[in-house]
Amino acid sequence: MNGTLLREENWRALNPDKLYDTLTVEDIDHLDKYKTVIVKNEGVAIKDGEWKYYDPMTGMIARTEVYTLGKLERRSAAQKSSGADSAKTTVTKPKEVLDFEKKTGKKKVKVQTGSTY
């Protein structure tokens, strides 16, 4: 509202003509090595790289998150200390749920476009 910076984002665009795409990414544990990964193309872009969130009152960095091909790899220490947000990210799906999703496939989410027809 007052023109302050809220966050810096990094995205990786994928070829929309392909169902799957092969990407070469830097290994976060070994910065001098690269690995090749195959990702399913579910949209036009995915989160990739460092995201910085700023405190609107002070302008200082409140937290940072590092994404690799849409998957959250690491958060800053300030974010780990907050109870509610860290509880959401540490919850993993049970094996039974993962098996069910493999059998049935994930449901596609309809996106509202705002069109009237």
PDB file of N, CA and C in Angstrom:
ATOM      1  N   MET A   1       0.808  -1.182   0.000  1.00  0.00           N
ATOM      2  CA  MET A   1       0.000   0.000   0.000  1.00  0.00           C
ATOM      3  C   MET A   1       0.863   1.263   0.000  1.00  0.00           C
ATOM      4  N   ASN A   2       1.940   1.238   0.793  1.00  0.00           N
ATOM      5  CA  ASN A   2       2.794   2.420   0.848  1.00  0.00           C
ATOM      6  C   ASN A   2       4.041   2.267  -0.021  1.00  0.00           C
ATOM      7  N   GLY A   3       4.092   1.238  -0.854  1.00  0.00           N
ATOM      8  CA  GLY A   3       5.180   1.084  -1.800  1.00  0.00           C
ATOM      9  C   GLY A   3       6.386   0.332  -1.277  1.00  0.00           C
ATOM     10  N   THR A   4       6.290  -0.298  -0.115  1.00  0.00           N
ATOM     11  CA  THR A   4       7.424  -1.042   0.407  1.00  0.00           C
ATOM     12  C   THR A   4       7.510  -2.415  -0.244  1.00  0.00           C
ATOM     13  N   LEU A   5       8.712  -2.936  -0.297  1.00  0.00           N
ATOM     14  CA  LEU A   5       8.955  -4.240  -0.895  1.00  0.00           C
ATOM     15  C   LEU A   5       8.517  -5.332   0.070  1.00  0.00           C
ATOM     16  N   LEU A   6       7.675  -6.263  -0.402  1.00  0.00           N
ATOM     17  CA  LEU A   6       7.204  -7.350   0.449  1.00  0.00           C
ATOM     18  C   LEU A   6       8.013  -8.621   0.268  1.00  0.00           C
ATOM     19  N   ARG A   7       8.390  -8.954  -0.979  1.00  0.00           N
ATOM     20  CA  ARG A   7       9.190 -10.167  -1.214  1.00  0.00           C
ATOM     21  C   ARG A   7       9.859 -10.108  -2.575  1.00  0.00           C
ATOM     22  N   GLU A   8      10.925 -10.882  -2.688  1.00  0.00           N
ATOM     23  CA  GLU A   8      11.600 -11.107  -3.966  1.00  0.00           C
ATOM     24  C   GLU A   8      11.400 -12.571  -4.309  1.00  0.00           C
ATOM     25  N   GLU A   9      10.967 -12.861  -5.533  1.00  0.00           N
ATOM     26  CA  GLU A   9      10.648 -14.209  -5.951  1.00  0.00           C
ATOM     27  C   GLU A   9      11.525 -14.608  -7.137  1.00  0.00           C
ATOM     28  N   ASN A  10      11.776 -15.916  -7.249  1.00  0.00           N
ATOM     29  CA  ASN A  10      12.465 -16.480  -8.410  1.00  0.00           C
ATOM     30  C   ASN A  10      11.617 -17.618  -8.948  1.00  0.00           C
ATOM     31  N   TRP A  11      11.412 -17.623 -10.259  1.00  0.00           N
ATOM     32  CA  TRP A  11      10.591 -18.628 -10.922  1.00  0.00           C
ATOM     33  C   TRP A  11      11.382 -19.265 -12.058  1.00  0.00           C
ATOM     34  N   ARG A  12      11.050 -20.495 -12.395  1.00  0.00           N
ATOM     35  CA  ARG A  12      11.631 -21.176 -13.550  1.00  0.00           C
ATOM     36  C   ARG A  12      10.495 -21.500 -14.510  1.00  0.00           C
ATOM     37  N   ALA A  13      10.615 -21.008 -15.723  1.00  0.00           N
ATOM     38  CA  ALA A  13       9.587 -21.241 -16.736  1.00  0.00           C
ATOM     39  C   ALA A  13       9.857 -22.561 -17.446  1.00  0.00           C
ATOM     40  N   LEU A  14       8.796 -23.269 -17.796  1.00  0.00           N
ATOM     41  CA  LEU A  14       8.893 -24.542 -18.500  1.00  0.00           C
ATOM     42  C   LEU A  14       8.224 -24.429 -19.855  1.00  0.00           C
ATOM     43  N   ASN A  15       8.605 -25.299 -20.759  1.00  0.00           N
ATOM     44  CA  ASN A  15       8.018 -25.331 -22.088  1.00  0.00           C
ATOM     45  C   ASN A  15       6.590 -25.871 -21.986  1.00  0.00           C
ATOM     46  N   PRO A  16       5.564 -25.090 -22.315  1.00  0.00           N
ATOM     47  CA  PRO A  16       4.182 -25.553 -22.151  1.00  0.00           C
ATOM     48  C   PRO A  16       3.773 -26.641 -23.138  1.00  0.00           C
ATOM     49  N   ASP A  17       4.575 -26.903 -24.169  1.00  0.00           N
ATOM     50  CA  ASP A  17       4.232 -27.924 -25.152  1.00  0.00           C
ATOM     51  C   ASP A  17       4.589 -29.334 -24.676  1.00  0.00           C
ATOM     52  N   LYS A  18       5.389 -29.458 -23.632  1.00  0.00           N
ATOM     53  CA  LYS A  18       5.852 -30.764 -23.161  1.00  0.00           C
ATOM     54  C   LYS A  18       5.122 -31.165 -21.883  1.00  0.00           C
ATOM     55  N   LEU A  19       4.835 -32.484 -21.740  1.00  0.00           N
ATOM     56  CA  LEU A  19       4.248 -32.984 -20.506  1.00  0.00           C
ATOM     57  C   LEU A  19       5.301 -33.077 -19.406  1.00  0.00           C
ATOM     58  N   TYR A  20       6.530 -33.427 -19.786  1.00  0.00           N
ATOM     59  CA  TYR A  20       7.637 -33.525 -18.844  1.00  0.00           C
ATOM     60  C   TYR A  20       8.791 -32.696 -19.382  1.00  0.00           C
ATOM     61  N   ASP A  21       9.634 -32.214 -18.491  1.00  0.00           N
ATOM     62  CA  ASP A  21      10.779 -31.423 -18.910  1.00  0.00           C
ATOM     63  C   ASP A  21      11.996 -31.872 -18.124  1.00  0.00           C
ATOM     64  N   THR A  22      13.156 -31.881 -18.754  1.00  0.00           N
ATOM     65  CA  THR A  22      14.405 -32.244 -18.114  1.00  0.00           C
ATOM     66  C   THR A  22      15.198 -30.977 -17.835  1.00  0.00           C
ATOM     67  N   LEU A  23      15.593 -30.805 -16.587  1.00  0.00           N
ATOM     68  CA  LEU A  23      16.311 -29.600 -16.178  1.00  0.00           C
ATOM     69  C   LEU A  23      17.622 -29.979 -15.504  1.00  0.00           C
ATOM     70  N   THR A  24      18.639 -29.179 -15.706  1.00  0.00           N
ATOM     71  CA  THR A  24      19.906 -29.334 -15.008  1.00  0.00           C
ATOM     72  C   THR A  24      19.948 -28.288 -13.907  1.00  0.00           C
ATOM     73  N   VAL A  25      20.097 -28.757 -12.669  1.00  0.00           N
ATOM     74  CA  VAL A  25      20.089 -27.851 -11.528  1.00  0.00           C
ATOM     75  C   VAL A  25      21.349 -28.048 -10.708  1.00  0.00           C
ATOM     76  N   GLU A  26      21.705 -26.995  -9.987  1.00  0.00           N
ATOM     77  CA  GLU A  26      22.877 -27.038  -9.122  1.00  0.00           C
ATOM     78  C   GLU A  26      22.536 -27.804  -7.853  1.00  0.00           C
ATOM     79  N   ASP A  27      23.411 -28.706  -7.433  1.00  0.00           N
ATOM     80  CA  ASP A  27      23.215 -29.468  -6.207  1.00  0.00           C
ATOM     81  C   ASP A  27      23.465 -28.545  -5.028  1.00  0.00           C
ATOM     82  N   ILE A  28      22.486 -28.400  -4.115  1.00  0.00           N
ATOM     83  CA  ILE A  28      22.637 -27.429  -3.028  1.00  0.00           C
ATOM     84  C   ILE A  28      23.651 -27.889  -1.994  1.00  0.00           C
ATOM     85  N   ASP A  29      23.935 -29.193  -1.924  1.00  0.00           N
ATOM     86  CA  ASP A  29      24.944 -29.682  -0.989  1.00  0.00           C
ATOM     87  C   ASP A  29      26.358 -29.523  -1.538  1.00  0.00           C
ATOM     88  N   HIS A  30      26.506 -29.640  -2.842  1.00  0.00           N
ATOM     89  CA  HIS A  30      27.807 -29.512  -3.509  1.00  0.00           C
ATOM     90  C   HIS A  30      27.648 -28.498  -4.634  1.00  0.00           C
ATOM     91  N   LEU A  31      28.049 -27.269  -4.389  1.00  0.00           N
ATOM     92  CA  LEU A  31      27.791 -26.184  -5.333  1.00  0.00           C
ATOM     93  C   LEU A  31      28.580 -26.313  -6.636  1.00  0.00           C
ATOM     94  N   ASP A  32      29.597 -27.162  -6.670  1.00  0.00           N
ATOM     95  CA  ASP A  32      30.369 -27.335  -7.897  1.00  0.00           C
ATOM     96  C   ASP A  32      29.834 -28.475  -8.764  1.00  0.00           C
ATOM     97  N   LYS A  33      28.748 -29.141  -8.317  1.00  0.00           N
ATOM     98  CA  LYS A  33      28.181 -30.265  -9.059  1.00  0.00           C
ATOM     99  C   LYS A  33      26.761 -29.930  -9.506  1.00  0.00           C
ATOM    100  N   TYR A  34      26.351 -30.571 -10.595  1.00  0.00           N
ATOM    101  CA  TYR A  34      25.009 -30.381 -11.130  1.00  0.00           C
ATOM    102  C   TYR A  34      24.332 -31.738 -11.251  1.00  0.00           C
ATOM    103  N   LYS A  35      23.011 -31.732 -11.194  1.00  0.00           N
ATOM    104  CA  LYS A  35      22.258 -32.966 -11.392  1.00  0.00           C
ATOM    105  C   LYS A  35      21.116 -32.699 -12.367  1.00  0.00           C
ATOM    106  N   THR A  36      20.684 -33.740 -13.048  1.00  0.00           N
ATOM    107  CA  THR A  36      19.593 -33.643 -14.011  1.00  0.00           C
ATOM    108  C   THR A  36      18.348 -34.235 -13.381  1.00  0.00           C
ATOM    109  N   VAL A  37      17.251 -33.498 -13.451  1.00  0.00           N
ATOM    110  CA  VAL A  37      15.992 -33.968 -12.897  1.00  0.00           C
ATOM    111  C   VAL A  37      14.905 -33.863 -13.957  1.00  0.00           C
ATOM    112  N   ILE A  38      13.919 -34.755 -13.852  1.00  0.00           N
ATOM    113  CA  ILE A  38      12.770 -34.742 -14.755  1.00  0.00           C
ATOM    114  C   ILE A  38      11.570 -34.287 -13.935  1.00  0.00           C
ATOM    115  N   VAL A  39      10.874 -33.265 -14.414  1.00  0.00           N
ATOM    116  CA  VAL A  39       9.726 -32.730 -13.688  1.00  0.00           C
ATOM    117  C   VAL A  39       8.500 -32.774 -14.589  1.00  0.00           C
ATOM    118  N   LYS A  40       7.344 -32.995 -13.947  1.00  0.00           N
ATOM    119  CA  LYS A  40       6.082 -32.967 -14.683  1.00  0.00           C
ATOM    120  C   LYS A  40       5.693 -31.513 -14.884  1.00  0.00           C
ATOM    121  N   ASN A  41       5.308 -31.182 -16.081  1.00  0.00           N
ATOM    122  CA  ASN A  41       4.939 -29.812 -16.416  1.00  0.00           C
ATOM    123  C   ASN A  41       3.458 -29.622 -16.118  1.00  0.00           C
ATOM    124  N   GLU A  42       3.152 -29.019 -14.961  1.00  0.00           N
ATOM    125  CA  GLU A  42       1.763 -28.798 -14.571  1.00  0.00           C
ATOM    126  C   GLU A  42       1.345 -27.348 -14.727  1.00  0.00           C
ATOM    127  N   GLY A  43       2.217 -26.509 -15.171  1.00  0.00           N
ATOM    128  CA  GLY A  43       1.870 -25.099 -15.313  1.00  0.00           C
ATOM    129  C   GLY A  43       2.914 -24.395 -16.150  1.00  0.00           C
ATOM    130  N   VAL A  44       2.906 -23.097 -16.097  1.00  0.00           N
ATOM    131  CA  VAL A  44       3.834 -22.339 -16.921  1.00  0.00           C
ATOM    132  C   VAL A  44       5.131 -22.008 -16.189  1.00  0.00           C
ATOM    133  N   ALA A  45       5.123 -22.021 -14.856  1.00  0.00           N
ATOM    134  CA  ALA A  45       6.329 -21.706 -14.102  1.00  0.00           C
ATOM    135  C   ALA A  45       6.246 -22.331 -12.712  1.00  0.00           C
ATOM    136  N   ILE A  46       7.420 -22.626 -12.130  1.00  0.00           N
ATOM    137  CA  ILE A  46       7.477 -23.181 -10.783  1.00  0.00           C
ATOM    138  C   ILE A  46       8.479 -22.387  -9.959  1.00  0.00           C
ATOM    139  N   LYS A  47       8.288 -22.407  -8.648  1.00  0.00           N
ATOM    140  CA  LYS A  47       9.198 -21.697  -7.752  1.00  0.00           C
ATOM    141  C   LYS A  47      10.580 -22.328  -7.843  1.00  0.00           C
ATOM    142  N   ASP A  48      11.599 -21.492  -7.938  1.00  0.00           N
ATOM    143  CA  ASP A  48      12.962 -21.993  -8.012  1.00  0.00           C
ATOM    144  C   ASP A  48      13.905 -20.890  -7.569  1.00  0.00           C
ATOM    145  N   GLY A  49      14.790 -21.195  -6.648  1.00  0.00           N
ATOM    146  CA  GLY A  49      15.753 -20.211  -6.178  1.00  0.00           C
ATOM    147  C   GLY A  49      15.379 -19.644  -4.821  1.00  0.00           C
ATOM    148  N   GLU A  50      16.018 -18.542  -4.474  1.00  0.00           N
ATOM    149  CA  GLU A  50      15.832 -17.947  -3.158  1.00  0.00           C
ATOM    150  C   GLU A  50      14.683 -16.941  -3.166  1.00  0.00           C
ATOM    151  N   TRP A  51      13.801 -17.059  -2.198  1.00  0.00           N
ATOM    152  CA  TRP A  51      12.706 -16.126  -1.996  1.00  0.00           C
ATOM    153  C   TRP A  51      12.985 -15.372  -0.712  1.00  0.00           C
ATOM    154  N   LYS A  52      12.944 -14.048  -0.765  1.00  0.00           N
ATOM    155  CA  LYS A  52      13.185 -13.215   0.410  1.00  0.00           C
ATOM    156  C   LYS A  52      11.896 -12.489   0.770  1.00  0.00           C
ATOM    157  N   TYR A  53      11.496 -12.603   2.023  1.00  0.00           N
ATOM    158  CA  TYR A  53      10.308 -11.918   2.535  1.00  0.00           C
ATOM    159  C   TYR A  53      10.773 -10.787   3.441  1.00  0.00           C
ATOM    160  N   TYR A  54      10.222  -9.598   3.243  1.00  0.00           N
ATOM    161  CA  TYR A  54      10.634  -8.417   3.986  1.00  0.00           C
ATOM    162  C   TYR A  54       9.561  -7.990   4.977  1.00  0.00           C
ATOM    163  N   ASP A  55      10.001  -7.422   6.090  1.00  0.00           N
ATOM    164  CA  ASP A  55       9.096  -6.837   7.068  1.00  0.00           C
ATOM    165  C   ASP A  55       8.675  -5.479   6.526  1.00  0.00           C
ATOM    166  N   PRO A  56       7.373  -5.240   6.309  1.00  0.00           N
ATOM    167  CA  PRO A  56       6.940  -3.972   5.710  1.00  0.00           C
ATOM    168  C   PRO A  56       7.207  -2.754   6.584  1.00  0.00           C
ATOM    169  N   MET A  57       7.317  -2.957   7.881  1.00  0.00           N
ATOM    170  CA  MET A  57       7.546  -1.819   8.782  1.00  0.00           C
ATOM    171  C   MET A  57       9.009  -1.378   8.790  1.00  0.00           C
ATOM    172  N   THR A  58       9.943  -2.339   8.798  1.00  0.00           N
ATOM    173  CA  THR A  58      11.364  -1.993   8.906  1.00  0.00           C
ATOM    174  C   THR A  58      12.107  -2.079   7.584  1.00  0.00           C
ATOM    175  N   GLY A  59      11.602  -2.876   6.652  1.00  0.00           N
ATOM    176  CA  GLY A  59      12.297  -3.071   5.388  1.00  0.00           C
ATOM    177  C   GLY A  59      13.402  -4.119   5.471  1.00  0.00           C
ATOM    178  N   MET A  60      13.580  -4.733   6.630  1.00  0.00           N
ATOM    179  CA  MET A  60      14.602  -5.766   6.819  1.00  0.00           C
ATOM    180  C   MET A  60      14.053  -7.116   6.349  1.00  0.00           C
ATOM    181  N   ILE A  61      14.949  -8.037   6.032  1.00  0.00           N
ATOM    182  CA  ILE A  61      14.534  -9.374   5.613  1.00  0.00           C
ATOM    183  C   ILE A  61      13.968 -10.110   6.827  1.00  0.00           C
ATOM    184  N   ALA A  62      12.722 -10.545   6.715  1.00  0.00           N
ATOM    185  CA  ALA A  62      12.074 -11.269   7.808  1.00  0.00           C
ATOM    186  C   ALA A  62      12.403 -12.762   7.739  1.00  0.00           C
ATOM    187  N   ARG A  63      12.423 -13.325   6.532  1.00  0.00           N
ATOM    188  CA  ARG A  63      12.770 -14.738   6.351  1.00  0.00           C
ATOM    189  C   ARG A  63      13.168 -14.982   4.905  1.00  0.00           C
ATOM    190  N   THR A  64      13.855 -16.074   4.684  1.00  0.00           N
ATOM    191  CA  THR A  64      14.199 -16.490   3.334  1.00  0.00           C
ATOM    192  C   THR A  64      13.824 -17.954   3.168  1.00  0.00           C
ATOM    193  N   GLU A  65      13.468 -18.313   1.951  1.00  0.00           N
ATOM    194  CA  GLU A  65      13.160 -19.695   1.611  1.00  0.00           C
ATOM    195  C   GLU A  65      13.884 -20.028   0.315  1.00  0.00           C
ATOM    196  N   VAL A  66      14.406 -21.247   0.227  1.00  0.00           N
ATOM    197  CA  VAL A  66      15.096 -21.693  -0.974  1.00  0.00           C
ATOM    198  C   VAL A  66      14.296 -22.839  -1.582  1.00  0.00           C
ATOM    199  N   TYR A  67      13.889 -22.670  -2.833  1.00  0.00           N
ATOM    200  CA  TYR A  67      13.126 -23.674  -3.563  1.00  0.00           C
ATOM    201  C   TYR A  67      13.980 -24.265  -4.679  1.00  0.00           C
ATOM    202  N   THR A  68      13.806 -25.573  -4.888  1.00  0.00           N
ATOM    203  CA  THR A  68      14.412 -26.242  -6.027  1.00  0.00           C
ATOM    204  C   THR A  68      13.293 -26.927  -6.790  1.00  0.00           C
ATOM    205  N   LEU A  69      12.969 -26.393  -7.947  1.00  0.00           N
ATOM    206  CA  LEU A  69      11.923 -26.928  -8.824  1.00  0.00           C
ATOM    207  C   LEU A  69      10.598 -27.093  -8.091  1.00  0.00           C
ATOM    208  N   GLY A  70      10.197 -26.050  -7.364  1.00  0.00           N
ATOM    209  CA  GLY A  70       8.916 -26.040  -6.685  1.00  0.00           C
ATOM    210  C   GLY A  70       8.899 -26.686  -5.317  1.00  0.00           C
ATOM    211  N   LYS A  71       9.987 -27.327  -4.927  1.00  0.00           N
ATOM    212  CA  LYS A  71      10.053 -28.013  -3.638  1.00  0.00           C
ATOM    213  C   LYS A  71      10.856 -27.167  -2.658  1.00  0.00           C
ATOM    214  N   LEU A  72      10.283 -26.924  -1.483  1.00  0.00           N
ATOM    215  CA  LEU A  72      10.960 -26.127  -0.466  1.00  0.00           C
ATOM    216  C   LEU A  72      12.136 -26.917   0.095  1.00  0.00           C
ATOM    217  N   GLU A  73      13.345 -26.379  -0.038  1.00  0.00           N
ATOM    218  CA  GLU A  73      14.546 -27.054   0.426  1.00  0.00           C
ATOM    219  C   GLU A  73      14.986 -26.563   1.806  1.00  0.00           C
ATOM    220  N   ARG A  74      14.878 -25.249   2.031  1.00  0.00           N
ATOM    221  CA  ARG A  74      15.443 -24.701   3.265  1.00  0.00           C
ATOM    222  C   ARG A  74      14.763 -23.381   3.590  1.00  0.00           C
ATOM    223  N   ARG A  75      14.605 -23.113   4.886  1.00  0.00           N
ATOM    224  CA  ARG A  75      14.070 -21.838   5.367  1.00  0.00           C
ATOM    225  C   ARG A  75      15.093 -21.186   6.274  1.00  0.00           C
ATOM    226  N   SER A  76      14.957 -19.881   6.431  1.00  0.00           N
ATOM    227  CA  SER A  76      15.863 -19.167   7.328  1.00  0.00           C
ATOM    228  C   SER A  76      15.557 -19.526   8.772  1.00  0.00           C
ATOM    229  N   ALA A  77      16.495 -19.229   9.678  1.00  0.00           N
ATOM    230  CA  ALA A  77      16.335 -19.560  11.090  1.00  0.00           C
ATOM    231  C   ALA A  77      15.141 -18.852  11.704  1.00  0.00           C
ATOM    232  N   ALA A  78      14.842 -17.639  11.268  1.00  0.00           N
ATOM    233  CA  ALA A  78      13.712 -16.898  11.819  1.00  0.00           C
ATOM    234  C   ALA A  78      12.401 -17.617  11.527  1.00  0.00           C
ATOM    235  N   GLN A  79      12.275 -18.217  10.343  1.00  0.00           N
ATOM    236  CA  GLN A  79      11.047 -18.924   9.974  1.00  0.00           C
ATOM    237  C   GLN A  79      10.922 -20.226  10.751  1.00  0.00           C
ATOM    238  N   LYS A  80      12.025 -20.923  11.026  1.00  0.00           N
ATOM    239  CA  LYS A  80      11.969 -22.185  11.740  1.00  0.00           C
ATOM    240  C   LYS A  80      11.476 -21.999  13.170  1.00  0.00           C
ATOM    241  N   SER A  81      11.745 -20.847  13.751  1.00  0.00           N
ATOM    242  CA  SER A  81      11.368 -20.627  15.139  1.00  0.00           C
ATOM    243  C   SER A  81       9.885 -20.357  15.321  1.00  0.00           C
ATOM    244  N   SER A  82       9.175 -19.971  14.265  1.00  0.00           N
ATOM    245  CA  SER A  82       7.744 -19.710  14.411  1.00  0.00           C
ATOM    246  C   SER A  82       7.002 -21.035  14.453  1.00  0.00           C
ATOM    247  N   GLY A  83       6.190 -21.219  15.444  1.00  0.00           N
ATOM    248  CA  GLY A  83       5.548 -22.503  15.702  1.00  0.00           C
ATOM    249  C   GLY A  83       4.527 -22.904  14.676  1.00  0.00           C
ATOM    250  N   ALA A  84       3.619 -22.030  14.293  1.00  0.00           N
ATOM    251  CA  ALA A  84       2.505 -22.406  13.423  1.00  0.00           C
ATOM    252  C   ALA A  84       2.968 -22.756  12.020  1.00  0.00           C
ATOM    253  N   ASP A  85       3.841 -21.945  11.435  1.00  0.00           N
ATOM    254  CA  ASP A  85       4.272 -22.202  10.064  1.00  0.00           C
ATOM    255  C   ASP A  85       5.144 -23.440   9.967  1.00  0.00           C
ATOM    256  N   SER A  86       6.048 -23.647  10.932  1.00  0.00           N
ATOM    257  CA  SER A  86       6.935 -24.797  10.843  1.00  0.00           C
ATOM    258  C   SER A  86       6.166 -26.093  11.064  1.00  0.00           C
ATOM    259  N   ALA A  87       5.080 -26.062  11.841  1.00  0.00           N
ATOM    260  CA  ALA A  87       4.279 -27.265  12.047  1.00  0.00           C
ATOM    261  C   ALA A  87       3.611 -27.689  10.750  1.00  0.00           C
ATOM    262  N   LYS A  88       3.215 -26.746   9.920  1.00  0.00           N
ATOM    263  CA  LYS A  88       2.579 -27.071   8.643  1.00  0.00           C
ATOM    264  C   LYS A  88       3.552 -27.765   7.700  1.00  0.00           C
ATOM    265  N   THR A  89       4.801 -27.330   7.683  1.00  0.00           N
ATOM    266  CA  THR A  89       5.737 -27.865   6.709  1.00  0.00           C
ATOM    267  C   THR A  89       6.363 -29.173   7.149  1.00  0.00           C
ATOM    268  N   THR A  90       6.374 -29.480   8.454  1.00  0.00           N
ATOM    269  CA  THR A  90       6.996 -30.708   8.910  1.00  0.00           C
ATOM    270  C   THR A  90       6.048 -31.900   8.846  1.00  0.00           C
ATOM    271  N   VAL A  91       4.764 -31.668   8.627  1.00  0.00           N
ATOM    272  CA  VAL A  91       3.801 -32.753   8.539  1.00  0.00           C
ATOM    273  C   VAL A  91       3.977 -33.439   7.196  1.00  0.00           C
ATOM    274  N   THR A  92       4.176 -34.757   7.227  1.00  0.00           N
ATOM    275  CA  THR A  92       4.300 -35.519   5.989  1.00  0.00           C
ATOM    276  C   THR A  92       3.076 -36.414   5.830  1.00  0.00           C
ATOM    277  N   LYS A  93       2.787 -36.771   4.607  1.00  0.00           N
ATOM    278  CA  LYS A  93       1.629 -37.606   4.333  1.00  0.00           C
ATOM    279  C   LYS A  93       1.941 -39.047   4.738  1.00  0.00           C
ATOM    280  N   PRO A  94       0.965 -39.737   5.319  1.00  0.00           N
ATOM    281  CA  PRO A  94       1.163 -41.148   5.652  1.00  0.00           C
ATOM    282  C   PRO A  94       1.337 -41.995   4.393  1.00  0.00           C
ATOM    283  N   LYS A  95       1.953 -43.149   4.563  1.00  0.00           N
ATOM    284  CA  LYS A  95       2.216 -44.045   3.440  1.00  0.00           C
ATOM    285  C   LYS A  95       0.920 -44.444   2.725  1.00  0.00           C
ATOM    286  N   GLU A  96      -0.133 -44.656   3.489  1.00  0.00           N
ATOM    287  CA  GLU A  96      -1.408 -45.059   2.904  1.00  0.00           C
ATOM    288  C   GLU A  96      -1.961 -43.981   1.978  1.00  0.00           C
ATOM    289  N   VAL A  97      -1.815 -42.720   2.374  1.00  0.00           N
ATOM    290  CA  VAL A  97      -2.297 -41.616   1.557  1.00  0.00           C
ATOM    291  C   VAL A  97      -1.495 -41.537   0.260  1.00  0.00           C
ATOM    292  N   LEU A  98      -0.178 -41.695   0.366  1.00  0.00           N
ATOM    293  CA  LEU A  98       0.667 -41.664  -0.831  1.00  0.00           C
ATOM    294  C   LEU A  98       0.317 -42.810  -1.781  1.00  0.00           C
ATOM    295  N   ASP A  99       0.070 -44.011  -1.227  1.00  0.00           N
ATOM    296  CA  ASP A  99      -0.317 -45.144  -2.062  1.00  0.00           C
ATOM    297  C   ASP A  99      -1.660 -44.888  -2.759  1.00  0.00           C
ATOM    298  N   PHE A 100      -2.618 -44.309  -2.034  1.00  0.00           N
ATOM    299  CA  PHE A 100      -3.927 -44.005  -2.618  1.00  0.00           C
ATOM    300  C   PHE A 100      -3.799 -42.987  -3.745  1.00  0.00           C
ATOM    301  N   GLU A 101      -2.964 -41.958  -3.533  1.00  0.00           N
ATOM    302  CA  GLU A 101      -2.791 -40.943  -4.574  1.00  0.00           C
ATOM    303  C   GLU A 101      -2.133 -41.531  -5.811  1.00  0.00           C
ATOM    304  N   LYS A 102      -1.233 -42.501  -5.628  1.00  0.00           N
ATOM    305  CA  LYS A 102      -0.612 -43.149  -6.781  1.00  0.00           C
ATOM    306  C   LYS A 102      -1.642 -43.943  -7.576  1.00  0.00           C
ATOM    307  N   LYS A 103      -2.518 -44.662  -6.870  1.00  0.00           N
ATOM    308  CA  LYS A 103      -3.521 -45.490  -7.536  1.00  0.00           C
ATOM    309  C   LYS A 103      -4.553 -44.647  -8.283  1.00  0.00           C
ATOM    310  N   THR A 104      -5.078 -43.620  -7.626  1.00  0.00           N
ATOM    311  CA  THR A 104      -6.173 -42.854  -8.213  1.00  0.00           C
ATOM    312  C   THR A 104      -5.704 -41.640  -8.984  1.00  0.00           C
ATOM    313  N   GLY A 105      -4.515 -41.170  -8.719  1.00  0.00           N
ATOM    314  CA  GLY A 105      -4.039 -39.945  -9.344  1.00  0.00           C
ATOM    315  C   GLY A 105      -4.606 -38.754  -8.603  1.00  0.00           C
ATOM    316  N   LYS A 106      -3.859 -37.679  -8.583  1.00  0.00           N
ATOM    317  CA  LYS A 106      -4.335 -36.486  -7.890  1.00  0.00           C
ATOM    318  C   LYS A 106      -5.431 -35.834  -8.706  1.00  0.00           C
ATOM    319  N   LYS A 107      -6.406 -35.263  -8.011  1.00  0.00           N
ATOM    320  CA  LYS A 107      -7.492 -34.574  -8.692  1.00  0.00           C
ATOM    321  C   LYS A 107      -7.003 -33.232  -9.198  1.00  0.00           C
ATOM    322  N   LYS A 108      -7.453 -32.884 -10.357  1.00  0.00           N
ATOM    323  CA  LYS A 108      -7.100 -31.578 -10.924  1.00  0.00           C
ATOM    324  C   LYS A 108      -7.926 -30.500 -10.240  1.00  0.00           C
ATOM    325  N   VAL A 109      -7.288 -29.404  -9.951  1.00  0.00           N
ATOM    326  CA  VAL A 109      -7.966 -28.288  -9.295  1.00  0.00           C
ATOM    327  C   VAL A 109      -8.451 -27.332 -10.357  1.00  0.00           C
ATOM    328  N   LYS A 110      -9.728 -26.984 -10.321  1.00  0.00           N
ATOM    329  CA  LYS A 110     -10.272 -26.008 -11.263  1.00  0.00           C
ATOM    330  C   LYS A 110      -9.836 -24.615 -10.835  1.00  0.00           C
ATOM    331  N   VAL A 111      -9.478 -23.822 -11.786  1.00  0.00           N
ATOM    332  CA  VAL A 111      -9.037 -22.465 -11.516  1.00  0.00           C
ATOM    333  C   VAL A 111     -10.129 -21.509 -11.966  1.00  0.00           C
ATOM    334  N   GLN A 112     -10.490 -20.582 -11.102  1.00  0.00           N
ATOM    335  CA  GLN A 112     -11.487 -19.590 -11.467  1.00  0.00           C
ATOM    336  C   GLN A 112     -10.798 -18.498 -12.277  1.00  0.00           C
ATOM    337  N   THR A 113     -11.315 -18.227 -13.449  1.00  0.00           N
ATOM    338  CA  THR A 113     -10.702 -17.233 -14.320  1.00  0.00           C
ATOM    339  C   THR A 113     -11.409 -15.899 -14.269  1.00  0.00           C
ATOM    340  N   GLY A 114     -12.589 -15.860 -13.702  1.00  0.00           N
ATOM    341  CA  GLY A 114     -13.334 -14.612 -13.666  1.00  0.00           C
ATOM    342  C   GLY A 114     -14.208 -14.406 -14.884  1.00  0.00           C
ATOM    343  N   SER A 115     -14.209 -15.370 -15.801  1.00  0.00           N
ATOM    344  CA  SER A 115     -15.033 -15.192 -16.990  1.00  0.00           C
ATOM    345  C   SER A 115     -16.505 -15.413 -16.638  1.00  0.00           C
ATOM    346  N   THR A 116     -17.392 -14.827 -17.421  1.00  0.00           N
ATOM    347  CA  THR A 116     -18.825 -14.905 -17.129  1.00  0.00           C
ATOM    348  C   THR A 116     -19.556 -15.872 -18.061  1.00  0.00           C
ATOM    349  N   TYR A 117     -18.857 -16.570 -18.912  1.00  0.00           N
ATOM    350  CA  TYR A 117     -19.533 -17.512 -19.809  1.00  0.00           C
ATOM    351  C   TYR A 117     -19.149 -18.925 -19.504  1.00  0.00           C
TER     352      TYR A 117
END
